[in-house]
Amino acid sequence: MTHRFTPRSRPPSRGDRLITGLTAGLILLLLAACDDATAPTAAPAGAPATARPRIALVMKTLTNPFFIEIERGARRAEQELGLETRVITSDTLAGAAPPGPP
């Protein structure tokens, strides 16, 4: 049986296969990083025993209502879960004053 390609479809190119392979590898790497088996049970040397988990939220901008809602949700999670959250945007990286609490 031969496969017929329609005028709108084409066989995958070498670049397409490379992108697919790299994407699959990245997904596997991220999933492996989520493994809890190697998580430390004690605070690192020099860190206080009551150190809160720190999370950085990196976003493009805070002028879009979608991203504003994401930040609000992160701030609520910060309060509910006792996290230390830092919101970073392209404005923050460019040297502008960060919006909201640091």
C-alpha atoms as a PDB file:
ATOM      1  CA  MET A   1       0.000   0.000   0.000  1.00  0.00           C
ATOM      2  CA  THR A   2       1.407   3.353  -0.951  1.00  0.00           C
ATOM      3  CA  HIS A   3       0.605   6.585   0.783  1.00  0.00           C
ATOM      4  CA  ARG A   4      -0.636   9.365  -1.422  1.00  0.00           C
ATOM      5  CA  PHE A   5      -0.003  12.912  -0.360  1.00  0.00           C
ATOM      6  CA  THR A   6      -2.608  15.492  -1.203  1.00  0.00           C
ATOM      7  CA  PRO A   7      -1.446  18.843  -2.579  1.00  0.00           C
ATOM      8  CA  ARG A   8      -1.847  20.344   0.886  1.00  0.00           C
ATOM      9  CA  SER A   9       0.165  17.739   2.721  1.00  0.00           C
ATOM     10  CA  ARG A  10       3.780  16.825   2.335  1.00  0.00           C
ATOM     11  CA  PRO A  11       6.059  14.187   3.786  1.00  0.00           C
ATOM     12  CA  PRO A  12       7.789  15.257   6.989  1.00  0.00           C
ATOM     13  CA  SER A  13      11.108  16.884   6.272  1.00  0.00           C
ATOM     14  CA  ARG A  14      14.308  16.267   8.175  1.00  0.00           C
ATOM     15  CA  GLY A  15      13.740  19.537  10.054  1.00  0.00           C
ATOM     16  CA  ASP A  16      10.202  18.476  11.012  1.00  0.00           C
ATOM     17  CA  ARG A  17      11.494  15.204  12.417  1.00  0.00           C
ATOM     18  CA  LEU A  18      14.256  17.050  14.292  1.00  0.00           C
ATOM     19  CA  ILE A  19      11.759  19.466  15.857  1.00  0.00           C
ATOM     20  CA  THR A  20       9.489  16.572  16.830  1.00  0.00           C
ATOM     21  CA  GLY A  21      12.389  14.678  18.405  1.00  0.00           C
ATOM     22  CA  LEU A  22      13.639  17.701  20.314  1.00  0.00           C
ATOM     23  CA  THR A  23      10.137  18.470  21.578  1.00  0.00           C
ATOM     24  CA  ALA A  24       9.653  14.895  22.754  1.00  0.00           C
ATOM     25  CA  GLY A  25      13.051  14.968  24.463  1.00  0.00           C
ATOM     26  CA  LEU A  26      12.230  18.238  26.219  1.00  0.00           C
ATOM     27  CA  ILE A  27       8.917  16.862  27.458  1.00  0.00           C
ATOM     28  CA  LEU A  28      10.658  13.761  28.826  1.00  0.00           C
ATOM     29  CA  LEU A  29      13.295  15.923  30.495  1.00  0.00           C
ATOM     30  CA  LEU A  30      10.638  18.088  32.141  1.00  0.00           C
ATOM     31  CA  LEU A  31       8.733  15.042  33.328  1.00  0.00           C
ATOM     32  CA  ALA A  32      11.902  13.544  34.775  1.00  0.00           C
ATOM     33  CA  ALA A  33      12.601  16.816  36.596  1.00  0.00           C
ATOM     34  CA  CYS A  34       9.234  16.489  38.332  1.00  0.00           C
ATOM     35  CA  ASP A  35      10.324  13.291  40.052  1.00  0.00           C
ATOM     36  CA  ASP A  36      10.207  13.702  43.827  1.00  0.00           C
ATOM     37  CA  ALA A  37      12.619  10.847  44.579  1.00  0.00           C
ATOM     38  CA  THR A  38      15.653  13.119  44.811  1.00  0.00           C
ATOM     39  CA  ALA A  39      13.989  15.990  46.669  1.00  0.00           C
ATOM     40  CA  PRO A  40      16.005  17.020  49.728  1.00  0.00           C
ATOM     41  CA  THR A  41      14.328  16.357  53.060  1.00  0.00           C
ATOM     42  CA  ALA A  42      16.283  19.005  54.943  1.00  0.00           C
ATOM     43  CA  ALA A  43      16.994  22.655  54.242  1.00  0.00           C
ATOM     44  CA  PRO A  44      20.206  23.305  52.297  1.00  0.00           C
ATOM     45  CA  ALA A  45      23.294  24.261  54.283  1.00  0.00           C
ATOM     46  CA  GLY A  46      23.151  27.900  55.316  1.00  0.00           C
ATOM     47  CA  ALA A  47      19.403  28.245  54.734  1.00  0.00           C
ATOM     48  CA  PRO A  48      17.097  28.848  57.662  1.00  0.00           C
ATOM     49  CA  ALA A  49      15.063  25.812  58.712  1.00  0.00           C
ATOM     50  CA  THR A  50      11.814  27.695  58.085  1.00  0.00           C
ATOM     51  CA  ALA A  51      12.636  28.800  54.520  1.00  0.00           C
ATOM     52  CA  ARG A  52       9.522  29.102  52.381  1.00  0.00           C
ATOM     53  CA  PRO A  53       9.468  27.577  48.912  1.00  0.00           C
ATOM     54  CA  ARG A  54      10.269  30.225  46.298  1.00  0.00           C
ATOM     55  CA  ILE A  55       8.575  30.457  42.920  1.00  0.00           C
ATOM     56  CA  ALA A  56       9.346  32.835  40.064  1.00  0.00           C
ATOM     57  CA  LEU A  57       6.530  33.638  37.663  1.00  0.00           C
ATOM     58  CA  VAL A  58       7.993  34.847  34.369  1.00  0.00           C
ATOM     59  CA  MET A  59       5.541  36.589  32.058  1.00  0.00           C
ATOM     60  CA  LYS A  60       5.717  38.772  28.979  1.00  0.00           C
ATOM     61  CA  THR A  61       3.755  41.709  30.393  1.00  0.00           C
ATOM     62  CA  LEU A  62       1.253  42.751  33.010  1.00  0.00           C
ATOM     63  CA  THR A  63      -0.777  44.980  30.684  1.00  0.00           C
ATOM     64  CA  ASN A  64      -2.804  42.075  29.277  1.00  0.00           C
ATOM     65  CA  PRO A  65      -5.825  41.094  31.443  1.00  0.00           C
ATOM     66  CA  PHE A  66      -4.960  37.404  30.996  1.00  0.00           C
ATOM     67  CA  PHE A  67      -1.524  37.848  32.562  1.00  0.00           C
ATOM     68  CA  ILE A  68      -2.970  40.065  35.311  1.00  0.00           C
ATOM     69  CA  GLU A  69      -5.292  37.205  36.312  1.00  0.00           C
ATOM     70  CA  ILE A  70      -2.357  34.794  36.344  1.00  0.00           C
ATOM     71  CA  GLU A  71      -0.498  37.100  38.717  1.00  0.00           C
ATOM     72  CA  ARG A  72      -3.561  37.424  40.970  1.00  0.00           C
ATOM     73  CA  GLY A  73      -3.855  33.650  41.149  1.00  0.00           C
ATOM     74  CA  ALA A  74      -0.158  33.357  41.982  1.00  0.00           C
ATOM     75  CA  ARG A  75      -0.539  35.938  44.767  1.00  0.00           C
ATOM     76  CA  ARG A  76      -3.526  34.025  46.194  1.00  0.00           C
ATOM     77  CA  ALA A  77      -1.526  30.786  46.100  1.00  0.00           C
ATOM     78  CA  GLU A  78       1.353  32.614  47.766  1.00  0.00           C
ATOM     79  CA  GLN A  79      -0.887  33.511  50.718  1.00  0.00           C
ATOM     80  CA  GLU A  80      -2.716  30.168  50.913  1.00  0.00           C
ATOM     81  CA  LEU A  81       0.340  27.934  50.565  1.00  0.00           C
ATOM     82  CA  GLY A  82       2.953  30.067  52.299  1.00  0.00           C
ATOM     83  CA  LEU A  83       5.101  30.535  49.209  1.00  0.00           C
ATOM     84  CA  GLU A  84       7.525  33.291  48.325  1.00  0.00           C
ATOM     85  CA  THR A  85       6.562  34.455  44.836  1.00  0.00           C
ATOM     86  CA  ARG A  86       8.447  36.777  42.516  1.00  0.00           C
ATOM     87  CA  VAL A  87       6.775  38.057  39.347  1.00  0.00           C
ATOM     88  CA  ILE A  88       9.202  38.876  36.550  1.00  0.00           C
ATOM     89  CA  THR A  89       8.210  40.575  33.296  1.00  0.00           C
ATOM     90  CA  SER A  90      10.110  42.007  30.370  1.00  0.00           C
ATOM     91  CA  ASP A  91       9.635  45.439  31.998  1.00  0.00           C
ATOM     92  CA  THR A  92      11.288  44.148  35.178  1.00  0.00           C
ATOM     93  CA  LEU A  93      14.224  42.813  33.200  1.00  0.00           C
ATOM     94  CA  ALA A  94      14.558  46.103  31.302  1.00  0.00           C
ATOM     95  CA  GLY A  95      15.010  47.965  34.593  1.00  0.00           C
ATOM     96  CA  ALA A  96      11.499  49.354  35.094  1.00  0.00           C
ATOM     97  CA  ALA A  97       9.981  49.204  38.550  1.00  0.00           C
ATOM     98  CA  PRO A  98       8.142  45.889  39.091  1.00  0.00           C
ATOM     99  CA  PRO A  99       4.377  46.179  39.565  1.00  0.00           C
ATOM    100  CA  GLY A 100       2.903  45.216  42.909  1.00  0.00           C
ATOM    101  CA  PRO A 101       4.811  43.682  45.821  1.00  0.00           C
ATOM    102  CA  PRO A 102       8.370  42.450  45.133  1.00  0.00           C
END
